[in-house]
Amino acid sequence: LRLSLAMIDEGFARDPLVREDALKVFRRKIKDGEMPECMTEALTVVQQSYPEGQGIRCRSSTNNEDLLGFNGAGLYSSYTHHPDEGHLSKSVKQVFASLWDSLAYEHREFYRVDHWQAAMGVLIHPNHEGEQVNGVAVSKYPFDEFSFLPQYFNAQVGEDLVTNPEINSVPEEILSFSRGVARLNSSNQVPFGEQVM
């Protein structure tokens, strides 16, 4: 409610620093807020289903990524919940709060995506340290709506994320056909001629 009132204020619309401060306060309220008891209980069950000492990855996923004319992938944050951090709700609330990161807000505003229709989901899975490869797979080539190519892979070595890569990091891009693969781009993090996948 307070953010919606702030958004009406002329300073919020006109001044990026005012906007950034208001969004920061709003994110803090989400992180410090209390979850409904039913959600806390459900997350307790999930957390207890993992072996003791297992880190849990909380991945962001919103309903405003990969929209026609707007790709919000990489605008939101994912977090690893470490065993010493207490209840899993801490990291889930961090993911929820990232819906209101300044960069995410500015992108939605520019592309006229309704902020109040944006919703965050969280995918929870075991966290694996020292990954050999990480990436994203899409069942349909995302850059051509009329394409019949079945799969698109974007991969990088180690834990250099493809959604929020390190500076100057170029991931490997692959198209997978029924009879083989075509490499669109090679990773610049492996020796020339080598492949990530």
Protein backbone atom coordinates (compact mmCIF):
# COMPACT_ATOMS: atom_id res chain seq x y z
CA LEU A 1 0.00 0.00 0.00
CA ARG A 2 2.78 2.43 0.89
CA LEU A 3 4.57 1.80 -2.40
CA SER A 4 1.37 2.32 -4.37
CA LEU A 5 0.92 5.68 -2.61
CA ALA A 6 4.54 6.57 -3.30
CA MET A 7 4.07 5.73 -6.98
CA ILE A 8 1.36 8.37 -7.21
CA ASP A 9 3.76 10.99 -5.86
CA GLU A 10 5.23 13.24 -8.54
CA GLY A 11 8.74 12.81 -7.14
CA PHE A 12 8.57 9.04 -7.54
CA ALA A 13 7.73 9.32 -11.24
CA ARG A 14 10.17 12.14 -11.95
CA ASP A 15 13.23 11.39 -9.82
CA PRO A 16 15.06 8.02 -10.14
CA LEU A 17 16.75 8.53 -6.75
CA VAL A 18 13.39 9.01 -5.00
CA ARG A 19 12.13 5.92 -6.82
CA GLU A 20 15.16 3.88 -5.84
CA ASP A 21 14.81 4.87 -2.16
CA ALA A 22 11.09 4.01 -2.11
CA LEU A 23 11.73 0.63 -3.74
CA LYS A 24 14.53 -0.11 -1.28
CA VAL A 25 12.21 0.60 1.66
CA PHE A 26 9.52 -1.60 0.09
CA ARG A 27 11.97 -4.49 -0.43
CA ARG A 28 13.05 -4.22 3.21
CA LYS A 29 9.40 -4.43 4.34
CA ILE A 30 8.94 -7.61 2.30
CA LYS A 31 12.09 -9.18 3.76
CA ASP A 32 11.15 -8.21 7.32
CA GLY A 33 7.45 -9.01 6.92
CA GLU A 34 5.65 -12.02 8.33
CA MET A 35 4.49 -14.75 5.99
CA PRO A 36 1.03 -16.23 6.36
CA GLU A 37 1.21 -19.20 8.72
CA CYS A 38 0.13 -21.65 6.01
CA MET A 39 3.11 -20.63 3.82
CA THR A 40 5.54 -20.81 6.74
CA GLU A 41 4.28 -24.29 7.62
CA ALA A 42 4.53 -25.45 4.00
CA LEU A 43 8.11 -24.17 3.78
CA THR A 44 8.94 -25.94 7.06
CA VAL A 45 7.80 -29.22 5.51
CA VAL A 46 9.88 -28.53 2.38
CA GLN A 47 12.97 -27.59 4.38
CA GLN A 48 12.69 -30.69 6.59
CA SER A 49 12.46 -32.90 3.49
CA TYR A 50 16.11 -32.11 2.65
CA PRO A 51 19.03 -33.90 4.33
CA GLU A 52 20.63 -32.04 7.22
CA GLY A 53 23.36 -29.69 5.97
CA GLN A 54 21.96 -29.48 2.44
CA GLY A 55 21.93 -26.00 0.89
CA ILE A 56 18.65 -25.15 -0.83
CA ARG A 57 18.50 -23.06 -4.00
CA CYS A 58 15.56 -20.66 -4.27
CA ARG A 59 15.18 -19.61 -7.91
CA SER A 60 13.11 -16.66 -9.03
CA SER A 61 10.48 -17.06 -11.73
CA THR A 62 7.90 -14.43 -12.60
CA ASN A 63 4.84 -14.25 -14.81
CA ASN A 64 6.41 -11.35 -16.71
CA GLU A 65 9.40 -13.09 -18.25
CA ASP A 66 9.41 -14.03 -21.92
CA LEU A 67 6.36 -11.95 -22.77
CA LEU A 68 5.78 -10.88 -26.35
CA GLY A 69 7.98 -7.80 -26.75
CA PHE A 70 9.47 -8.06 -23.24
CA ASN A 71 12.05 -10.48 -21.87
CA GLY A 72 12.42 -10.02 -18.13
CA ALA A 73 14.79 -12.95 -17.65
CA GLY A 74 17.74 -12.03 -15.43
CA LEU A 75 16.00 -9.04 -13.82
CA TYR A 76 15.16 -10.92 -10.64
CA SER A 77 17.38 -12.57 -8.03
CA SER A 78 17.78 -16.15 -6.89
CA TYR A 79 19.33 -17.08 -3.55
CA THR A 80 20.93 -20.08 -1.92
CA HIS A 81 19.59 -20.82 1.55
CA HIS A 82 22.52 -22.13 3.61
CA PRO A 83 21.97 -24.56 6.50
CA ASP A 84 22.97 -21.96 9.12
CA GLU A 85 20.44 -19.33 7.95
CA GLY A 86 17.46 -20.57 9.90
CA HIS A 87 14.01 -20.90 8.38
CA LEU A 88 13.71 -21.22 4.58
CA SER A 89 11.24 -18.31 4.53
CA LYS A 90 14.21 -15.92 4.88
CA SER A 91 15.53 -16.74 1.41
CA VAL A 92 12.07 -17.06 -0.14
CA LYS A 93 11.26 -13.52 1.02
CA GLN A 94 14.52 -12.30 -0.51
CA VAL A 95 13.39 -13.74 -3.85
CA PHE A 96 9.93 -12.16 -3.44
CA ALA A 97 11.54 -8.79 -2.70
CA SER A 98 13.62 -8.93 -5.88
CA LEU A 99 10.40 -8.37 -7.85
CA TRP A 100 10.88 -4.75 -6.77
CA ASP A 101 14.59 -4.36 -7.59
CA SER A 102 15.18 -0.99 -9.23
CA LEU A 103 16.37 -2.47 -12.51
CA ALA A 104 13.35 -4.78 -12.70
CA TYR A 105 10.98 -1.91 -11.95
CA GLU A 106 12.56 0.37 -14.57
CA HIS A 107 12.38 -2.33 -17.25
CA ARG A 108 8.73 -3.07 -16.54
CA GLU A 109 7.96 0.65 -16.54
CA PHE A 110 9.73 1.22 -19.86
CA TYR A 111 7.91 -1.69 -21.53
CA ARG A 112 4.59 -0.73 -19.88
CA VAL A 113 4.22 -3.99 -18.00
CA ASP A 114 1.65 -3.57 -15.21
CA HIS A 115 3.62 -3.76 -11.95
CA TRP A 116 0.57 -4.86 -9.98
CA GLN A 117 -0.02 -7.82 -12.30
CA ALA A 118 3.58 -9.01 -11.79
CA ALA A 119 3.87 -12.06 -9.55
CA MET A 120 6.85 -14.01 -8.25
CA GLY A 121 7.17 -17.76 -7.98
CA VAL A 122 10.04 -19.64 -6.36
CA LEU A 123 11.49 -22.93 -7.59
CA ILE A 124 13.21 -24.79 -4.75
CA HIS A 125 15.83 -27.50 -5.32
CA PRO A 126 19.07 -28.77 -3.76
CA ASN A 127 22.01 -26.42 -4.21
CA HIS A 128 25.11 -28.00 -5.69
CA GLU A 129 28.46 -26.31 -5.07
CA GLY A 130 31.16 -26.51 -7.73
CA GLU A 131 28.87 -27.08 -10.72
CA GLN A 132 30.66 -28.07 -13.91
CA VAL A 133 28.06 -26.42 -16.15
CA ASN A 134 24.99 -24.26 -15.62
CA GLY A 135 22.48 -23.01 -18.12
CA VAL A 136 18.98 -22.57 -19.41
CA ALA A 137 17.07 -24.82 -21.80
CA VAL A 138 14.04 -23.68 -23.77
CA SER A 139 11.78 -26.13 -25.58
CA LYS A 140 11.24 -23.67 -28.47
CA TYR A 141 13.81 -21.39 -30.09
CA PRO A 142 12.91 -18.03 -28.48
CA PHE A 143 13.98 -15.64 -31.23
CA ASP A 144 11.66 -16.84 -33.99
CA GLU A 145 7.98 -17.38 -33.20
CA PHE A 146 7.51 -19.43 -36.37
CA SER A 147 10.47 -21.72 -35.76
CA PHE A 148 9.97 -25.47 -35.51
CA LEU A 149 13.35 -26.06 -33.90
CA PRO A 150 12.74 -28.20 -30.82
CA GLN A 151 15.28 -27.01 -28.23
CA TYR A 152 17.59 -24.12 -27.41
CA PHE A 153 20.42 -24.37 -24.84
CA ASN A 154 22.38 -21.53 -23.29
CA ALA A 155 25.24 -22.85 -21.14
CA GLN A 156 28.36 -21.66 -19.36
CA VAL A 157 31.13 -23.36 -17.39
CA GLY A 158 31.07 -23.53 -13.61
CA GLU A 159 28.84 -21.17 -11.72
CA ASP A 160 29.17 -18.23 -14.12
CA LEU A 161 25.42 -17.72 -14.57
CA VAL A 162 23.91 -17.31 -18.01
CA THR A 163 21.06 -15.14 -16.68
CA ASN A 164 23.35 -12.69 -14.84
CA PRO A 165 26.78 -13.47 -16.27
CA GLU A 166 30.10 -12.11 -15.14
CA ILE A 167 31.37 -9.10 -17.09
CA ASN A 168 32.64 -10.08 -20.57
CA SER A 169 31.30 -13.61 -20.20
CA VAL A 170 29.84 -15.05 -23.41
CA PRO A 171 27.87 -18.30 -22.98
CA GLU A 172 27.61 -21.20 -25.38
CA GLU A 173 24.39 -21.32 -27.44
CA ILE A 174 23.14 -24.52 -29.03
CA LEU A 175 20.16 -25.51 -31.15
CA SER A 176 19.14 -29.15 -30.84
CA PHE A 177 17.51 -30.85 -33.84
CA SER A 178 16.17 -34.40 -34.00
CA ARG A 179 19.29 -35.38 -35.99
CA GLY A 180 21.97 -33.40 -34.20
CA VAL A 181 22.98 -30.00 -32.87
CA ALA A 182 24.06 -26.66 -34.28
CA ARG A 183 26.33 -24.41 -32.24
CA LEU A 184 25.28 -20.76 -32.57
CA ASN A 185 27.93 -19.38 -30.26
CA SER A 186 30.93 -20.74 -28.36
CA SER A 187 31.74 -19.89 -24.76
CA ASN A 188 34.66 -17.53 -24.28
CA GLN A 189 35.40 -19.25 -20.95
CA VAL A 190 36.84 -22.43 -22.53
CA PRO A 191 39.84 -22.83 -24.84
CA PHE A 192 39.15 -22.21 -28.53
CA GLY A 193 37.55 -25.23 -30.15
CA GLU A 194 36.35 -26.76 -26.87
CA GLN A 195 32.70 -27.06 -25.90
CA VAL A 196 30.84 -26.50 -22.65
CA MET A 197 28.25 -29.22 -23.40
